[in-house]
Every structure is written in structure tokens, then in C-alpha cells.
């Protein structure tokens, strides 16, 4: 799972190395389909040790107090072809707000290949406190991207 934040016009790319999900999905039964994704915020990395220390600390992700973020879908809709939209909520920093994930799903046999994205406002979730709560240096919008394969269970 990847993220991109904008710092003074320069994209800062990072990843979350640890996350898990429970996916109950059937293109033929979207009404009973749902997704829950739990992200281990302590696994965030931008490949810069000093920046990562700050990212994990109290001013940003504050993983000591808030180690996880959880997305839970409430509605999944077909957009067109293999493209879907999952609406739900993201709980991050004890804040829960609506988030929409756009994704492409290709199913071949028992394997599903998923790619998708979303955008969220970091300040809405309290990410960036004190001097970092302003959006002049670090933009409010953060892009999220994901790309994974999953196997269906019997």
C-alpha cells in the first residue's frame, strides 16, 4: 500500500509495509460484498530515516497512541466494466470520516488482481499537529494507492 504527500511542491512517496484485510466480494452480489482493511501505521516508510522518525512520531501518525488505521466499506458499486467504487469509513487517530476507494478488479479462476486509489485530507484525521497542521508546506491531500492479488477461499 502506497501513499504520496506533497511537501513544498515535491511529492514524498511512501509505503505501509504491513496491512491485512478481510474481503467478501462477489461481482454478482455487491449488496452483500464488503471490505475491511487494517493498516499497521508503524510500518510506514518513505526511505528516509529522519523523515520516517518524524512521520511515526507525535506530530504526524503518532503510532504510539494510534497504531492502526481501519477502512470499513458500507457500499460497493460497479462503475463500469471491471471498475468499482467502495464507500465506507476510515478510522485514523480516533477520527472516523467517509472515504471512497476506486478500484479495478480482474478475477481469473481463484485469483483476484486489485489496483486502486483514493485521496484523503490528512488534517481531517488530525495528521500533522502543531506547526504541521497548516497546509502551506505539506499539502492537505494525501493520495493512497494499492495493488495486490488475493486468492478466494473455499
N, C-alpha and C. Protein backbone atom coordinates (compact mmCIF):
# COMPACT_ATOMS: atom_id res chain seq x y z
N UNK A 1 0.86 -1.16 0.00
CA UNK A 1 0.00 0.00 0.00
C UNK A 1 0.91 1.22 0.00
N UNK A 2 0.62 2.17 -0.86
CA UNK A 2 1.49 3.33 -1.02
C UNK A 2 0.73 4.62 -0.72
N UNK A 3 1.49 5.66 -0.40
CA UNK A 3 0.90 6.98 -0.20
C UNK A 3 1.84 8.02 -0.78
N UNK A 4 1.27 9.15 -1.17
CA UNK A 4 2.06 10.28 -1.67
C UNK A 4 1.51 11.55 -1.05
N UNK A 5 2.41 12.29 -0.43
CA UNK A 5 2.09 13.60 0.14
C UNK A 5 2.93 14.63 -0.60
N UNK A 6 2.46 15.85 -0.63
CA UNK A 6 3.16 16.92 -1.32
C UNK A 6 3.81 17.86 -0.31
N UNK A 7 5.13 17.98 -0.35
CA UNK A 7 5.87 18.87 0.53
C UNK A 7 6.54 19.95 -0.31
N UNK A 8 6.05 21.17 -0.19
CA UNK A 8 6.58 22.31 -0.95
C UNK A 8 6.68 22.01 -2.45
N UNK A 9 5.65 21.35 -2.97
CA UNK A 9 5.61 21.06 -4.40
C UNK A 9 6.35 19.80 -4.82
N UNK A 10 6.99 19.12 -3.87
CA UNK A 10 7.73 17.89 -4.17
C UNK A 10 6.96 16.70 -3.63
N UNK A 11 6.69 15.70 -4.47
CA UNK A 11 5.98 14.52 -3.96
C UNK A 11 6.88 13.70 -3.03
N UNK A 12 6.33 13.33 -1.89
CA UNK A 12 7.01 12.44 -0.96
C UNK A 12 6.26 11.12 -1.02
N UNK A 13 6.93 10.08 -1.52
CA UNK A 13 6.31 8.77 -1.68
C UNK A 13 6.68 7.87 -0.53
N UNK A 14 5.71 7.09 -0.09
CA UNK A 14 5.96 6.15 0.98
C UNK A 14 5.09 4.92 0.85
N UNK A 15 5.32 3.97 1.74
CA UNK A 15 4.55 2.74 1.74
C UNK A 15 4.20 2.35 3.17
N UNK A 16 3.15 1.56 3.28
CA UNK A 16 2.83 0.86 4.52
C UNK A 16 3.14 -0.60 4.24
N UNK A 17 4.14 -1.13 4.92
CA UNK A 17 4.60 -2.49 4.65
C UNK A 17 3.74 -3.58 5.26
N UNK A 18 2.94 -3.24 6.27
CA UNK A 18 2.11 -4.25 6.93
C UNK A 18 0.65 -3.79 6.96
N UNK A 19 -0.21 -4.62 6.41
CA UNK A 19 -1.64 -4.38 6.45
C UNK A 19 -2.33 -5.72 6.25
N UNK A 20 -3.56 -5.79 6.67
CA UNK A 20 -4.34 -7.02 6.49
C UNK A 20 -5.74 -6.63 6.04
N UNK A 21 -6.44 -7.61 5.48
CA UNK A 21 -7.79 -7.31 5.01
C UNK A 21 -8.68 -8.53 5.12
N UNK A 22 -9.95 -8.25 5.23
CA UNK A 22 -10.99 -9.26 5.11
C UNK A 22 -11.87 -8.79 3.95
N UNK A 23 -11.92 -9.59 2.91
CA UNK A 23 -12.65 -9.21 1.71
C UNK A 23 -13.70 -10.27 1.42
N UNK A 24 -14.93 -9.86 1.41
CA UNK A 24 -16.05 -10.70 0.99
C UNK A 24 -16.63 -10.02 -0.24
N UNK A 25 -16.30 -10.56 -1.42
CA UNK A 25 -16.66 -9.85 -2.64
C UNK A 25 -17.18 -10.83 -3.68
N UNK A 26 -18.30 -10.47 -4.26
CA UNK A 26 -18.84 -11.19 -5.41
C UNK A 26 -19.41 -10.16 -6.37
N UNK A 27 -18.92 -10.11 -7.60
CA UNK A 27 -19.47 -9.17 -8.57
C UNK A 27 -20.97 -9.38 -8.79
N UNK A 28 -21.44 -10.59 -8.53
CA UNK A 28 -22.86 -10.92 -8.71
C UNK A 28 -23.71 -10.61 -7.48
N UNK A 29 -23.06 -10.23 -6.37
CA UNK A 29 -23.79 -9.95 -5.14
C UNK A 29 -23.12 -8.78 -4.40
N UNK A 30 -23.10 -7.63 -5.05
CA UNK A 30 -22.43 -6.46 -4.45
C UNK A 30 -23.11 -6.01 -3.17
N UNK A 31 -24.40 -6.25 -3.03
CA UNK A 31 -25.13 -5.85 -1.83
C UNK A 31 -24.63 -6.54 -0.58
N UNK A 32 -24.08 -7.74 -0.72
CA UNK A 32 -23.53 -8.48 0.41
C UNK A 32 -22.01 -8.49 0.41
N UNK A 33 -21.40 -7.73 -0.47
CA UNK A 33 -19.94 -7.64 -0.52
C UNK A 33 -19.46 -6.57 0.44
N UNK A 34 -18.30 -6.82 1.05
CA UNK A 34 -17.72 -5.83 1.96
C UNK A 34 -16.23 -6.03 2.07
N UNK A 35 -15.57 -4.97 2.53
CA UNK A 35 -14.12 -4.96 2.67
C UNK A 35 -13.76 -4.29 3.99
N UNK A 36 -12.82 -4.88 4.69
CA UNK A 36 -12.24 -4.20 5.86
C UNK A 36 -10.72 -4.33 5.75
N UNK A 37 -10.04 -3.21 5.82
CA UNK A 37 -8.59 -3.17 5.71
C UNK A 37 -8.03 -2.52 6.98
N UNK A 38 -7.06 -3.20 7.60
CA UNK A 38 -6.39 -2.67 8.78
C UNK A 38 -4.93 -2.41 8.42
N UNK A 39 -4.49 -1.17 8.61
CA UNK A 39 -3.12 -0.78 8.26
C UNK A 39 -2.33 -0.57 9.53
N UNK A 40 -1.16 -1.21 9.60
CA UNK A 40 -0.22 -1.01 10.71
C UNK A 40 0.56 0.27 10.41
N UNK A 41 0.19 1.35 11.08
CA UNK A 41 0.81 2.65 10.80
C UNK A 41 2.30 2.66 11.11
N UNK A 42 2.74 1.81 12.03
CA UNK A 42 4.17 1.73 12.36
C UNK A 42 5.02 1.18 11.23
N UNK A 43 4.37 0.65 10.18
CA UNK A 43 5.12 0.11 9.04
C UNK A 43 5.32 1.15 7.95
N UNK A 44 4.96 2.42 8.22
CA UNK A 44 5.13 3.49 7.22
C UNK A 44 6.62 3.76 6.98
N UNK A 45 6.96 3.93 5.72
CA UNK A 45 8.35 4.22 5.35
C UNK A 45 8.37 5.10 4.11
N UNK A 46 9.25 6.10 4.15
CA UNK A 46 9.50 6.94 2.97
C UNK A 46 10.94 6.78 2.49
N UNK A 47 11.65 5.81 3.05
CA UNK A 47 13.05 5.52 2.70
C UNK A 47 14.00 6.64 3.13
N UNK A 48 13.58 7.43 4.12
CA UNK A 48 14.43 8.47 4.69
C UNK A 48 14.26 8.38 6.22
N UNK A 49 15.29 7.90 6.90
CA UNK A 49 15.21 7.63 8.33
C UNK A 49 14.75 8.80 9.17
N UNK A 50 15.29 9.98 8.93
CA UNK A 50 14.91 11.16 9.71
C UNK A 50 13.44 11.54 9.46
N UNK A 51 13.05 11.52 8.21
CA UNK A 51 11.67 11.85 7.87
C UNK A 51 10.71 10.79 8.44
N UNK A 52 11.11 9.52 8.37
CA UNK A 52 10.27 8.45 8.90
C UNK A 52 10.09 8.55 10.41
N UNK A 53 11.14 8.93 11.11
CA UNK A 53 11.04 9.11 12.56
C UNK A 53 10.01 10.20 12.88
N UNK A 54 10.04 11.27 12.13
CA UNK A 54 9.08 12.35 12.33
C UNK A 54 7.66 11.90 11.94
N UNK A 55 7.54 11.16 10.84
CA UNK A 55 6.25 10.67 10.37
C UNK A 55 5.58 9.77 11.40
N UNK A 56 6.36 8.90 12.05
CA UNK A 56 5.81 7.97 13.03
C UNK A 56 5.56 8.63 14.39
N UNK A 57 6.16 9.78 14.63
CA UNK A 57 6.08 10.46 15.92
C UNK A 57 4.78 11.20 16.16
N UNK A 58 4.74 11.89 17.30
CA UNK A 58 3.54 12.57 17.78
C UNK A 58 2.98 13.61 16.82
N UNK A 59 3.82 14.27 16.05
CA UNK A 59 3.35 15.35 15.17
C UNK A 59 2.57 14.86 13.97
N UNK A 60 2.74 13.58 13.61
CA UNK A 60 2.06 13.07 12.41
C UNK A 60 1.23 11.83 12.73
N UNK A 61 1.74 10.64 12.47
CA UNK A 61 0.94 9.44 12.66
C UNK A 61 0.77 9.05 14.13
N UNK A 62 1.69 9.46 14.98
CA UNK A 62 1.61 9.18 16.42
C UNK A 62 1.27 7.71 16.67
N UNK A 63 2.12 6.82 16.15
CA UNK A 63 1.84 5.39 16.22
C UNK A 63 1.83 4.85 17.65
N UNK A 64 2.49 5.53 18.59
CA UNK A 64 2.45 5.07 19.98
C UNK A 64 1.02 5.14 20.52
N UNK A 65 0.29 6.16 20.16
CA UNK A 65 -1.09 6.31 20.64
C UNK A 65 -2.12 5.73 19.67
N UNK A 66 -1.79 5.71 18.38
CA UNK A 66 -2.74 5.27 17.35
C UNK A 66 -2.03 4.33 16.37
N UNK A 67 -1.84 3.07 16.75
CA UNK A 67 -1.03 2.17 15.92
C UNK A 67 -1.69 1.68 14.64
N UNK A 68 -3.01 1.80 14.52
CA UNK A 68 -3.70 1.23 13.36
C UNK A 68 -4.66 2.24 12.73
N UNK A 69 -4.91 2.05 11.46
CA UNK A 69 -5.99 2.73 10.74
C UNK A 69 -6.87 1.63 10.15
N UNK A 70 -8.19 1.85 10.15
CA UNK A 70 -9.10 0.82 9.65
C UNK A 70 -10.10 1.44 8.68
N UNK A 71 -10.16 0.86 7.48
CA UNK A 71 -11.19 1.21 6.49
C UNK A 71 -12.23 0.10 6.50
N UNK A 72 -13.50 0.47 6.61
CA UNK A 72 -14.62 -0.48 6.54
C UNK A 72 -15.60 0.01 5.50
N UNK A 73 -15.87 -0.83 4.50
CA UNK A 73 -16.81 -0.43 3.45
C UNK A 73 -18.24 -0.55 3.95
N UNK A 74 -19.09 0.30 3.41
CA UNK A 74 -20.52 0.23 3.69
C UNK A 74 -21.31 -0.01 2.41
N UNK A 75 -20.67 0.21 1.25
CA UNK A 75 -21.36 0.09 -0.02
C UNK A 75 -20.32 -0.10 -1.12
N UNK A 76 -20.52 -1.10 -1.97
CA UNK A 76 -19.65 -1.31 -3.13
C UNK A 76 -20.52 -1.28 -4.37
N UNK A 77 -20.11 -0.47 -5.35
CA UNK A 77 -20.89 -0.32 -6.58
C UNK A 77 -20.02 -0.57 -7.80
N UNK A 78 -20.62 -1.12 -8.82
CA UNK A 78 -19.98 -1.25 -10.12
C UNK A 78 -20.03 0.10 -10.79
N UNK A 79 -18.89 0.58 -11.28
CA UNK A 79 -18.85 1.83 -12.02
C UNK A 79 -19.02 1.53 -13.51
N UNK A 80 -18.15 0.66 -14.02
CA UNK A 80 -18.21 0.24 -15.41
C UNK A 80 -17.15 -0.83 -15.65
N UNK A 81 -17.49 -1.86 -16.39
CA UNK A 81 -16.53 -2.91 -16.72
C UNK A 81 -16.00 -3.59 -15.47
N UNK A 82 -14.68 -3.47 -15.25
CA UNK A 82 -14.02 -4.05 -14.08
C UNK A 82 -13.74 -2.99 -13.01
N UNK A 83 -14.37 -1.83 -13.13
CA UNK A 83 -14.12 -0.72 -12.20
C UNK A 83 -15.25 -0.61 -11.18
N UNK A 84 -14.83 -0.46 -9.92
CA UNK A 84 -15.77 -0.42 -8.80
C UNK A 84 -15.46 0.77 -7.90
N UNK A 85 -16.41 1.06 -7.02
CA UNK A 85 -16.24 2.11 -6.03
C UNK A 85 -16.73 1.56 -4.70
N UNK A 86 -15.86 1.62 -3.69
CA UNK A 86 -16.24 1.19 -2.34
C UNK A 86 -16.32 2.44 -1.46
N UNK A 87 -17.50 2.68 -0.94
CA UNK A 87 -17.67 3.79 0.01
C UNK A 87 -17.67 3.20 1.40
N UNK A 88 -17.08 3.95 2.33
CA UNK A 88 -17.05 3.48 3.70
C UNK A 88 -16.46 4.53 4.61
N UNK A 89 -15.91 4.08 5.72
CA UNK A 89 -15.30 4.99 6.67
C UNK A 89 -13.87 4.57 6.96
N UNK A 90 -13.06 5.57 7.25
CA UNK A 90 -11.69 5.35 7.69
C UNK A 90 -11.58 5.86 9.11
N UNK A 91 -11.10 4.99 9.99
CA UNK A 91 -10.82 5.41 11.36
C UNK A 91 -9.31 5.56 11.49
N UNK A 92 -8.88 6.77 11.80
CA UNK A 92 -7.47 7.12 11.92
C UNK A 92 -7.37 8.19 12.99
N UNK A 93 -6.50 7.97 13.98
CA UNK A 93 -6.34 8.94 15.09
C UNK A 93 -7.64 9.17 15.85
N UNK A 94 -8.42 8.15 16.07
CA UNK A 94 -9.72 8.26 16.76
C UNK A 94 -10.70 9.17 16.03
N UNK A 95 -10.42 9.48 14.78
CA UNK A 95 -11.34 10.24 13.93
C UNK A 95 -11.89 9.26 12.90
N UNK A 96 -13.18 9.32 12.65
CA UNK A 96 -13.80 8.46 11.64
C UNK A 96 -14.54 9.35 10.64
N UNK A 97 -14.14 9.19 9.36
CA UNK A 97 -14.74 10.01 8.30
C UNK A 97 -14.98 9.16 7.06
N UNK A 98 -15.93 9.59 6.21
CA UNK A 98 -16.20 8.87 4.96
C UNK A 98 -14.99 8.93 4.02
N UNK A 99 -14.74 7.81 3.36
CA UNK A 99 -13.68 7.70 2.36
C UNK A 99 -14.21 6.81 1.23
N UNK A 100 -13.83 7.14 0.01
CA UNK A 100 -14.21 6.33 -1.15
C UNK A 100 -12.95 5.75 -1.78
N UNK A 101 -12.97 4.45 -2.04
CA UNK A 101 -11.88 3.77 -2.74
C UNK A 101 -12.37 3.43 -4.14
N UNK A 102 -11.62 3.82 -5.14
CA UNK A 102 -11.89 3.45 -6.52
C UNK A 102 -10.94 2.31 -6.86
N UNK A 103 -11.47 1.23 -7.45
CA UNK A 103 -10.57 0.12 -7.74
C UNK A 103 -10.99 -0.64 -8.99
N UNK A 104 -10.00 -1.30 -9.57
CA UNK A 104 -10.18 -2.16 -10.72
C UNK A 104 -9.96 -3.59 -10.23
N UNK A 105 -10.84 -4.48 -10.61
CA UNK A 105 -10.76 -5.87 -10.17
C UNK A 105 -10.83 -6.79 -11.37
N UNK A 106 -9.85 -7.66 -11.47
CA UNK A 106 -9.84 -8.68 -12.52
C UNK A 106 -9.77 -10.03 -11.81
N UNK A 107 -10.74 -10.88 -12.11
CA UNK A 107 -10.78 -12.21 -11.49
C UNK A 107 -10.50 -13.25 -12.56
N UNK A 108 -9.49 -14.09 -12.28
CA UNK A 108 -9.15 -15.20 -13.16
C UNK A 108 -9.05 -16.44 -12.29
N UNK A 109 -10.05 -17.31 -12.43
CA UNK A 109 -10.09 -18.51 -11.59
C UNK A 109 -10.29 -18.12 -10.14
N UNK A 110 -9.38 -18.57 -9.27
CA UNK A 110 -9.46 -18.28 -7.84
C UNK A 110 -8.63 -17.06 -7.44
N UNK A 111 -8.04 -16.38 -8.44
CA UNK A 111 -7.17 -15.23 -8.15
C UNK A 111 -7.82 -13.92 -8.57
N UNK A 112 -7.80 -12.97 -7.66
CA UNK A 112 -8.31 -11.63 -7.94
C UNK A 112 -7.13 -10.66 -7.91
N UNK A 113 -7.00 -9.85 -8.93
CA UNK A 113 -5.97 -8.82 -9.02
C UNK A 113 -6.66 -7.48 -8.83
N UNK A 114 -6.23 -6.71 -7.83
CA UNK A 114 -6.88 -5.45 -7.47
C UNK A 114 -5.86 -4.31 -7.54
N UNK A 115 -6.24 -3.23 -8.21
CA UNK A 115 -5.47 -1.99 -8.18
C UNK A 115 -6.46 -0.86 -7.89
N UNK A 116 -6.03 0.10 -7.11
CA UNK A 116 -6.96 1.17 -6.79
C UNK A 116 -6.30 2.37 -6.15
N UNK A 117 -7.16 3.35 -5.82
CA UNK A 117 -6.64 4.59 -5.25
C UNK A 117 -7.73 5.32 -4.49
N UNK A 118 -7.29 6.29 -3.74
CA UNK A 118 -8.19 7.17 -3.02
C UNK A 118 -7.40 8.43 -2.67
N UNK A 119 -8.11 9.43 -2.19
CA UNK A 119 -7.47 10.63 -1.65
C UNK A 119 -8.14 10.92 -0.33
N UNK A 120 -7.35 11.42 0.61
CA UNK A 120 -7.92 11.84 1.87
C UNK A 120 -7.25 13.13 2.31
N UNK A 121 -7.93 13.80 3.23
CA UNK A 121 -7.38 15.05 3.77
C UNK A 121 -6.75 14.72 5.13
N UNK A 122 -5.45 14.86 5.23
CA UNK A 122 -4.74 14.49 6.45
C UNK A 122 -5.20 15.29 7.66
N UNK A 123 -5.51 16.57 7.47
CA UNK A 123 -5.90 17.40 8.61
C UNK A 123 -7.27 16.98 9.17
N UNK A 124 -8.11 16.41 8.33
CA UNK A 124 -9.41 15.93 8.79
C UNK A 124 -9.23 14.83 9.83
N UNK A 125 -8.13 14.08 9.73
CA UNK A 125 -7.84 13.00 10.66
C UNK A 125 -6.83 13.39 11.73
N UNK A 126 -6.45 14.65 11.77
CA UNK A 126 -5.50 15.10 12.79
C UNK A 126 -4.07 14.69 12.53
N UNK A 127 -3.73 14.40 11.27
CA UNK A 127 -2.35 14.04 10.92
C UNK A 127 -1.62 15.33 10.56
N UNK A 128 -0.66 15.67 11.39
CA UNK A 128 0.05 16.93 11.25
C UNK A 128 -0.43 17.88 12.32
N UNK A 129 0.20 17.86 13.46
CA UNK A 129 -0.24 18.72 14.56
C UNK A 129 0.76 19.85 14.78
N UNK A 130 0.36 20.79 15.61
CA UNK A 130 1.24 21.93 15.89
C UNK A 130 1.55 22.69 14.63
N UNK A 131 2.83 22.97 14.43
CA UNK A 131 3.25 23.72 13.25
C UNK A 131 2.92 22.99 11.95
N UNK A 132 2.70 21.67 12.01
CA UNK A 132 2.45 20.89 10.80
C UNK A 132 0.96 20.77 10.47
N UNK A 133 0.10 21.42 11.26
CA UNK A 133 -1.32 21.38 10.94
C UNK A 133 -1.67 22.33 9.79
N UNK A 134 -0.81 23.29 9.52
CA UNK A 134 -1.02 24.19 8.38
C UNK A 134 -0.73 23.41 7.09
N UNK A 135 -1.31 23.87 6.00
CA UNK A 135 -1.15 23.16 4.73
C UNK A 135 -0.26 23.90 3.73
N UNK A 136 0.48 24.90 4.21
CA UNK A 136 1.37 25.65 3.33
C UNK A 136 2.55 24.83 2.86
N UNK A 137 3.22 24.14 3.76
CA UNK A 137 4.39 23.33 3.38
C UNK A 137 4.00 21.92 2.97
N UNK A 138 3.12 21.33 3.76
CA UNK A 138 2.66 19.97 3.47
C UNK A 138 1.19 20.05 3.10
N UNK A 139 0.89 19.70 1.88
CA UNK A 139 -0.48 19.79 1.37
C UNK A 139 -1.43 18.92 2.19
N UNK A 140 -2.68 19.32 2.21
CA UNK A 140 -3.69 18.57 2.96
C UNK A 140 -4.01 17.24 2.30
N UNK A 141 -4.07 17.22 0.99
CA UNK A 141 -4.43 16.00 0.25
C UNK A 141 -3.30 14.99 0.27
N UNK A 142 -3.64 13.75 0.56
CA UNK A 142 -2.70 12.64 0.51
C UNK A 142 -3.31 11.58 -0.40
N UNK A 143 -2.55 11.13 -1.39
CA UNK A 143 -3.01 10.11 -2.32
C UNK A 143 -2.64 8.73 -1.77
N UNK A 144 -3.57 7.81 -1.87
CA UNK A 144 -3.37 6.43 -1.44
C UNK A 144 -3.51 5.55 -2.68
N UNK A 145 -2.62 4.57 -2.81
CA UNK A 145 -2.70 3.63 -3.93
C UNK A 145 -2.45 2.21 -3.41
N UNK A 146 -3.12 1.25 -4.04
CA UNK A 146 -2.91 -0.13 -3.63
C UNK A 146 -2.94 -1.03 -4.86
N UNK A 147 -2.23 -2.15 -4.76
CA UNK A 147 -2.06 -3.09 -5.85
C UNK A 147 -1.73 -4.43 -5.21
N UNK A 148 -2.65 -5.40 -5.30
CA UNK A 148 -2.40 -6.69 -4.68
C UNK A 148 -3.20 -7.77 -5.37
N UNK A 149 -2.84 -9.00 -5.09
CA UNK A 149 -3.58 -10.17 -5.56
C UNK A 149 -4.12 -10.89 -4.34
N UNK A 150 -5.28 -11.53 -4.51
CA UNK A 150 -5.89 -12.30 -3.43
C UNK A 150 -6.42 -13.61 -4.01
N UNK A 151 -6.40 -14.62 -3.16
CA UNK A 151 -6.95 -15.92 -3.52
C UNK A 151 -8.28 -16.13 -2.84
N UNK A 152 -9.25 -16.66 -3.56
CA UNK A 152 -10.54 -16.93 -2.92
C UNK A 152 -10.40 -18.15 -2.04
N UNK A 153 -11.13 -18.12 -0.93
CA UNK A 153 -11.12 -19.28 -0.05
C UNK A 153 -12.34 -20.14 -0.34
N UNK A 154 -12.18 -21.43 -0.12
CA UNK A 154 -13.30 -22.36 -0.45
C UNK A 154 -14.51 -22.12 0.42
